[in-house]
Amino acid sequence: MRGLSEILLWWAGLTGLWLVLVSAVDPLEAAVGAAAALVAAVAAHAARRAAERRAERR
């Protein structure tokens, strides 16, 4: 459950950032931003897990 909440927090933050930085927000822009933010959130979660595993091995 921790992983899902972490991904949701990343997604919310990145989606919000996308919407702030886009000049005109229409439904298509919001959908594209949300999808891109989800991909980035999953990647951020995977990177953090990989870093933790590497730190545990040392």
PDB file of N, CA and C in Angstrom:
ATOM      1  N   MET A   1       0.822  -1.197   0.000  1.00  0.00           N
ATOM      2  CA  MET A   1       0.000   0.000   0.000  1.00  0.00           C
ATOM      3  C   MET A   1       0.865   1.258   0.000  1.00  0.00           C
ATOM      4  N   ARG A   2       2.044   1.169   0.584  1.00  0.00           N
ATOM      5  CA  ARG A   2       2.941   2.322   0.620  1.00  0.00           C
ATOM      6  C   ARG A   2       3.340   2.734  -0.794  1.00  0.00           C
ATOM      7  N   GLY A   3       3.582   1.756  -1.637  1.00  0.00           N
ATOM      8  CA  GLY A   3       3.969   2.051  -3.008  1.00  0.00           C
ATOM      9  C   GLY A   3       2.866   2.768  -3.775  1.00  0.00           C
ATOM     10  N   LEU A   4       1.632   2.336  -3.586  1.00  0.00           N
ATOM     11  CA  LEU A   4       0.508   2.970  -4.271  1.00  0.00           C
ATOM     12  C   LEU A   4       0.325   4.404  -3.798  1.00  0.00           C
ATOM     13  N   SER A   5       0.435   4.625  -2.501  1.00  0.00           N
ATOM     14  CA  SER A   5       0.280   5.993  -1.999  1.00  0.00           C
ATOM     15  C   SER A   5       1.416   6.891  -2.483  1.00  0.00           C
ATOM     16  N   GLU A   6       2.625   6.337  -2.576  1.00  0.00           N
ATOM     17  CA  GLU A   6       3.750   7.121  -3.089  1.00  0.00           C
ATOM     18  C   GLU A   6       3.516   7.502  -4.551  1.00  0.00           C
ATOM     19  N   ILE A   7       3.053   6.559  -5.337  1.00  0.00           N
ATOM     20  CA  ILE A   7       2.770   6.831  -6.755  1.00  0.00           C
ATOM     21  C   ILE A   7       1.657   7.872  -6.881  1.00  0.00           C
ATOM     22  N   LEU A   8       0.626   7.760  -6.055  1.00  0.00           N
ATOM     23  CA  LEU A   8      -0.466   8.733  -6.121  1.00  0.00           C
ATOM     24  C   LEU A   8      -0.002  10.134  -5.741  1.00  0.00           C
ATOM     25  N   LEU A   9       0.876  10.236  -4.753  1.00  0.00           N
ATOM     26  CA  LEU A   9       1.402  11.545  -4.374  1.00  0.00           C
ATOM     27  C   LEU A   9       2.253  12.147  -5.490  1.00  0.00           C
ATOM     28  N   TRP A  10       3.124  11.321  -6.080  1.00  0.00           N
ATOM     29  CA  TRP A  10       3.924  11.793  -7.213  1.00  0.00           C
ATOM     30  C   TRP A  10       3.006  12.230  -8.357  1.00  0.00           C
ATOM     31  N   TRP A  11       2.003  11.401  -8.652  1.00  0.00           N
ATOM     32  CA  TRP A  11       1.094  11.701  -9.752  1.00  0.00           C
ATOM     33  C   TRP A  11       0.370  13.019  -9.516  1.00  0.00           C
ATOM     34  N   ALA A  12      -0.146  13.229  -8.321  1.00  0.00           N
ATOM     35  CA  ALA A  12      -0.878  14.459  -8.018  1.00  0.00           C
ATOM     36  C   ALA A  12       0.031  15.685  -8.155  1.00  0.00           C
ATOM     37  N   GLY A  13       1.234  15.582  -7.622  1.00  0.00           N
ATOM     38  CA  GLY A  13       2.164  16.703  -7.707  1.00  0.00           C
ATOM     39  C   GLY A  13       2.578  17.014  -9.134  1.00  0.00           C
ATOM     40  N   LEU A  14       2.894  15.973  -9.886  1.00  0.00           N
ATOM     41  CA  LEU A  14       3.322  16.182 -11.271  1.00  0.00           C
ATOM     42  C   LEU A  14       2.178  16.649 -12.166  1.00  0.00           C
ATOM     43  N   THR A  15       0.981  16.158 -11.921  1.00  0.00           N
ATOM     44  CA  THR A  15      -0.179  16.621 -12.687  1.00  0.00           C
ATOM     45  C   THR A  15      -0.451  18.092 -12.389  1.00  0.00           C
ATOM     46  N   GLY A  16      -0.369  18.447 -11.125  1.00  0.00           N
ATOM     47  CA  GLY A  16      -0.553  19.850 -10.755  1.00  0.00           C
ATOM     48  C   GLY A  16       0.488  20.744 -11.394  1.00  0.00           C
ATOM     49  N   LEU A  17       1.725  20.301 -11.396  1.00  0.00           N
ATOM     50  CA  LEU A  17       2.790  21.072 -12.029  1.00  0.00           C
ATOM     51  C   LEU A  17       2.524  21.232 -13.524  1.00  0.00           C
ATOM     52  N   TRP A  18       2.116  20.166 -14.179  1.00  0.00           N
ATOM     53  CA  TRP A  18       1.806  20.217 -15.610  1.00  0.00           C
ATOM     54  C   TRP A  18       0.719  21.255 -15.871  1.00  0.00           C
ATOM     55  N   LEU A  19      -0.341  21.221 -15.077  1.00  0.00           N
ATOM     56  CA  LEU A  19      -1.458  22.131 -15.298  1.00  0.00           C
ATOM     57  C   LEU A  19      -1.069  23.588 -15.041  1.00  0.00           C
ATOM     58  N   VAL A  20      -0.155  23.813 -14.123  1.00  0.00           N
ATOM     59  CA  VAL A  20       0.302  25.178 -13.858  1.00  0.00           C
ATOM     60  C   VAL A  20       1.169  25.688 -15.006  1.00  0.00           C
ATOM     61  N   LEU A  21       1.982  24.819 -15.578  1.00  0.00           N
ATOM     62  CA  LEU A  21       2.918  25.240 -16.607  1.00  0.00           C
ATOM     63  C   LEU A  21       2.327  25.304 -18.015  1.00  0.00           C
ATOM     64  N   VAL A  22       1.177  24.682 -18.239  1.00  0.00           N
ATOM     65  CA  VAL A  22       0.538  24.713 -19.557  1.00  0.00           C
ATOM     66  C   VAL A  22      -0.228  26.027 -19.685  1.00  0.00           C
ATOM     67  N   SER A  23      -0.115  26.663 -20.840  1.00  0.00           N
ATOM     68  CA  SER A  23      -0.731  27.981 -21.012  1.00  0.00           C
ATOM     69  C   SER A  23      -2.261  27.915 -21.080  1.00  0.00           C
ATOM     70  N   ALA A  24      -2.788  26.976 -21.826  1.00  0.00           N
ATOM     71  CA  ALA A  24      -4.241  26.847 -21.948  1.00  0.00           C
ATOM     72  C   ALA A  24      -4.637  25.428 -21.564  1.00  0.00           C
ATOM     73  N   VAL A  25      -5.437  25.322 -20.529  1.00  0.00           N
ATOM     74  CA  VAL A  25      -5.832  23.994 -20.045  1.00  0.00           C
ATOM     75  C   VAL A  25      -7.172  23.625 -20.680  1.00  0.00           C
ATOM     76  N   ASP A  26      -7.151  22.613 -21.533  1.00  0.00           N
ATOM     77  CA  ASP A  26      -8.382  22.055 -22.073  1.00  0.00           C
ATOM     78  C   ASP A  26      -8.394  20.570 -21.694  1.00  0.00           C
ATOM     79  N   PRO A  27      -9.480  19.873 -21.922  1.00  0.00           N
ATOM     80  CA  PRO A  27      -9.571  18.472 -21.493  1.00  0.00           C
ATOM     81  C   PRO A  27      -8.472  17.572 -22.066  1.00  0.00           C
ATOM     82  N   LEU A  28      -8.102  17.800 -23.322  1.00  0.00           N
ATOM     83  CA  LEU A  28      -7.055  16.972 -23.920  1.00  0.00           C
ATOM     84  C   LEU A  28      -5.709  17.219 -23.235  1.00  0.00           C
ATOM     85  N   GLU A  29      -5.376  18.474 -22.987  1.00  0.00           N
ATOM     86  CA  GLU A  29      -4.126  18.802 -22.284  1.00  0.00           C
ATOM     87  C   GLU A  29      -4.111  18.181 -20.889  1.00  0.00           C
ATOM     88  N   ALA A  30      -5.236  18.230 -20.200  1.00  0.00           N
ATOM     89  CA  ALA A  30      -5.324  17.656 -18.857  1.00  0.00           C
ATOM     90  C   ALA A  30      -5.126  16.140 -18.907  1.00  0.00           C
ATOM     91  N   ALA A  31      -5.711  15.483 -19.906  1.00  0.00           N
ATOM     92  CA  ALA A  31      -5.572  14.036 -20.034  1.00  0.00           C
ATOM     93  C   ALA A  31      -4.136  13.645 -20.368  1.00  0.00           C
ATOM     94  N   VAL A  32      -3.522  14.367 -21.284  1.00  0.00           N
ATOM     95  CA  VAL A  32      -2.130  14.083 -21.641  1.00  0.00           C
ATOM     96  C   VAL A  32      -1.219  14.317 -20.447  1.00  0.00           C
ATOM     97  N   GLY A  33      -1.445  15.400 -19.725  1.00  0.00           N
ATOM     98  CA  GLY A  33      -0.648  15.691 -18.536  1.00  0.00           C
ATOM     99  C   GLY A  33      -0.798  14.631 -17.465  1.00  0.00           C
ATOM    100  N   ALA A  34      -2.018  14.175 -17.254  1.00  0.00           N
ATOM    101  CA  ALA A  34      -2.260  13.138 -16.250  1.00  0.00           C
ATOM    102  C   ALA A  34      -1.586  11.824 -16.642  1.00  0.00           C
ATOM    103  N   ALA A  35      -1.637  11.488 -17.920  1.00  0.00           N
ATOM    104  CA  ALA A  35      -0.995  10.253 -18.386  1.00  0.00           C
ATOM    105  C   ALA A  35       0.526  10.335 -18.268  1.00  0.00           C
ATOM    106  N   ALA A  36       1.088  11.460 -18.676  1.00  0.00           N
ATOM    107  CA  ALA A  36       2.542  11.642 -18.573  1.00  0.00           C
ATOM    108  C   ALA A  36       2.985  11.650 -17.116  1.00  0.00           C
ATOM    109  N   ALA A  37       2.184  12.254 -16.256  1.00  0.00           N
ATOM    110  CA  ALA A  37       2.508  12.289 -14.827  1.00  0.00           C
ATOM    111  C   ALA A  37       2.459  10.888 -14.224  1.00  0.00           C
ATOM    112  N   LEU A  38       1.543  10.056 -14.679  1.00  0.00           N
ATOM    113  CA  LEU A  38       1.466   8.685 -14.166  1.00  0.00           C
ATOM    114  C   LEU A  38       2.713   7.887 -14.548  1.00  0.00           C
ATOM    115  N   VAL A  39       3.147   8.037 -15.784  1.00  0.00           N
ATOM    116  CA  VAL A  39       4.369   7.350 -16.230  1.00  0.00           C
ATOM    117  C   VAL A  39       5.565   7.824 -15.402  1.00  0.00           C
ATOM    118  N   ALA A  40       5.672   9.119 -15.203  1.00  0.00           N
ATOM    119  CA  ALA A  40       6.786   9.677 -14.427  1.00  0.00           C
ATOM    120  C   ALA A  40       6.704   9.252 -12.962  1.00  0.00           C
ATOM    121  N   ALA A  41       5.511   9.157 -12.411  1.00  0.00           N
ATOM    122  CA  ALA A  41       5.347   8.746 -11.017  1.00  0.00           C
ATOM    123  C   ALA A  41       5.782   7.294 -10.815  1.00  0.00           C
ATOM    124  N   VAL A  42       5.423   6.433 -11.739  1.00  0.00           N
ATOM    125  CA  VAL A  42       5.835   5.028 -11.654  1.00  0.00           C
ATOM    126  C   VAL A  42       7.353   4.924 -11.792  1.00  0.00           C
ATOM    127  N   ALA A  43       7.934   5.710 -12.684  1.00  0.00           N
ATOM    128  CA  ALA A  43       9.388   5.706 -12.851  1.00  0.00           C
ATOM    129  C   ALA A  43      10.095   6.220 -11.595  1.00  0.00           C
ATOM    130  N   ALA A  44       9.556   7.245 -10.965  1.00  0.00           N
ATOM    131  CA  ALA A  44      10.150   7.779  -9.735  1.00  0.00           C
ATOM    132  C   ALA A  44      10.086   6.746  -8.617  1.00  0.00           C
ATOM    133  N   HIS A  45       8.987   6.056  -8.517  1.00  0.00           N
ATOM    134  CA  HIS A  45       8.835   5.004  -7.501  1.00  0.00           C
ATOM    135  C   HIS A  45       9.832   3.867  -7.751  1.00  0.00           C
ATOM    136  N   ALA A  46       9.952   3.455  -8.997  1.00  0.00           N
ATOM    137  CA  ALA A  46      10.891   2.379  -9.336  1.00  0.00           C
ATOM    138  C   ALA A  46      12.333   2.798  -9.058  1.00  0.00           C
ATOM    139  N   ALA A  47      12.670   4.029  -9.351  1.00  0.00           N
ATOM    140  CA  ALA A  47      14.029   4.520  -9.101  1.00  0.00           C
ATOM    141  C   ALA A  47      14.328   4.548  -7.609  1.00  0.00           C
ATOM    142  N   ARG A  48      13.357   4.977  -6.800  1.00  0.00           N
ATOM    143  CA  ARG A  48      13.569   4.996  -5.356  1.00  0.00           C
ATOM    144  C   ARG A  48      13.752   3.589  -4.807  1.00  0.00           C
ATOM    145  N   ARG A  49      12.957   2.646  -5.282  1.00  0.00           N
ATOM    146  CA  ARG A  49      13.095   1.259  -4.826  1.00  0.00           C
ATOM    147  C   ARG A  49      14.441   0.677  -5.223  1.00  0.00           C
ATOM    148  N   ALA A  50      14.890   0.976  -6.422  1.00  0.00           N
ATOM    149  CA  ALA A  50      16.185   0.477  -6.881  1.00  0.00           C
ATOM    150  C   ALA A  50      17.310   1.072  -6.043  1.00  0.00           C
ATOM    151  N   ALA A  51      17.212   2.335  -5.700  1.00  0.00           N
ATOM    152  CA  ALA A  51      18.234   2.973  -4.866  1.00  0.00           C
ATOM    153  C   ALA A  51      18.247   2.368  -3.462  1.00  0.00           C
ATOM    154  N   GLU A  52      17.075   2.072  -2.927  1.00  0.00           N
ATOM    155  CA  GLU A  52      17.004   1.440  -1.600  1.00  0.00           C
ATOM    156  C   GLU A  52      17.646   0.055  -1.623  1.00  0.00           C
ATOM    157  N   ARG A  53      17.354  -0.724  -2.648  1.00  0.00           N
ATOM    158  CA  ARG A  53      17.933  -2.068  -2.740  1.00  0.00           C
ATOM    159  C   ARG A  53      19.450  -2.009  -2.849  1.00  0.00           C
ATOM    160  N   ARG A  54      19.925  -1.056  -3.618  1.00  0.00           N
ATOM    161  CA  ARG A  54      21.378  -0.927  -3.785  1.00  0.00           C
ATOM    162  C   ARG A  54      22.036  -0.505  -2.456  1.00  0.00           C
ATOM    163  N   ALA A  55      21.382   0.367  -1.725  1.00  0.00           N
ATOM    164  CA  ALA A  55      21.920   0.815  -0.443  1.00  0.00           C
ATOM    165  C   ALA A  55      21.915  -0.325   0.573  1.00  0.00           C
ATOM    166  N   GLU A  56      20.931  -1.205   0.502  1.00  0.00           N
ATOM    167  CA  GLU A  56      20.873  -2.346   1.427  1.00  0.00           C
ATOM    168  C   GLU A  56      21.997  -3.332   1.169  1.00  0.00           C
ATOM    169  N   ARG A  57      22.420  -3.463  -0.074  1.00  0.00           N
ATOM    170  CA  ARG A  57      23.482  -4.426  -0.415  1.00  0.00           C
ATOM    171  C   ARG A  57      24.846  -3.956   0.024  1.00  0.00           C
ATOM    172  N   ARG A  58      25.014  -2.687   0.233  1.00  0.00           N
ATOM    173  CA  ARG A  58      26.334  -2.161   0.603  1.00  0.00           C
ATOM    174  C   ARG A  58      26.581  -2.258   2.059  1.00  0.00           C
TER     175      ARG A  58
END
